[in-house]
Each structure stands twice: as C-alpha cells, then as structure tokens.
Amino acid sequence: QVQLVESGGGLVQAGGSLRLSCAASGRTFSMYAMGWFRQAPGKEREFVAAIRRSGGSTRYADSVKGRFTISRDNAKNTVYLQMISLKPEDTAVYYCAADLVTVQYTIRTDARVYDYWGQGTQVTVSS
C-alpha cells in the first residue's frame, strides 16, 4: 500500500512558476514509476509527465515539454513537478500516481495502469 499526498498548488499569473510535490508513504517507493496527471473541469484526466523508478529517464506530454520537469528523490520518497511559463490552459487539478513496475526502465502514460493516486492539488493560472 502506498499513500500519496500532493502539495504546492495555488493561484499564479500566466508566465509564472510553481513546484508541486508528492510525498509517498511506505518503504517501497523506489519500486514505483511515478507520474503526474491533470484534470481540467469538463475534461478527461490526461497524462502530464512520468519518471522511471530510479529517476533519470522521463516522458512528457507534448503540451508541457520544455516547460515542466519531473524529478524524484527516492531518499525522501518524494516526486516533484517543476512548472514554468505557466499558461491558463494549464489550469487543472494535478494528481500524482504510482505505477508498480517490475522492469526498472518502464515509464507508462496510461492512467489506467497506475496503482495508487493522491487526492490532487489545484493549480489555477490566471491570464
């Protein structure tokens, strides 16, 4: 069992920055690839970014490439999402999720395969 708690959301003007954090419970954090997803009102949940178990390799949605950076600190059981050059269309509830993977290089973008989810944190970007 893994419990995930996001923090760092808030209201920011377009062009601004935020850093989201996701703290995980348990001693097996390094067994999970981690992902960030978001859901805007009236829209489906969408993939934002993911990072493999040991860090290093990452994947991003095209809409955030060059603006968002995912990272993790396995010693602190925490994954981060640094967001810069924010746009109003980035407004959404952001969720972190854990994907138990047996192959360490696995990074997946399908929300349906993720095993555990946080409660979400609201990010609002004003124009």
Foldseek 3Di string as FASTA:
>chain_A
DKAKAKDWADEEAQQAKIKMKIAIDDLPLLQWKKFKWWDDPPGDIFGAKIAFSVGDDMDGDPVQPPFWDWTDDSVRRMIMIIGGSDDQVVWTWMKMFIARDPDRVDIDGDPVRTDDIYPTDTHGYHD
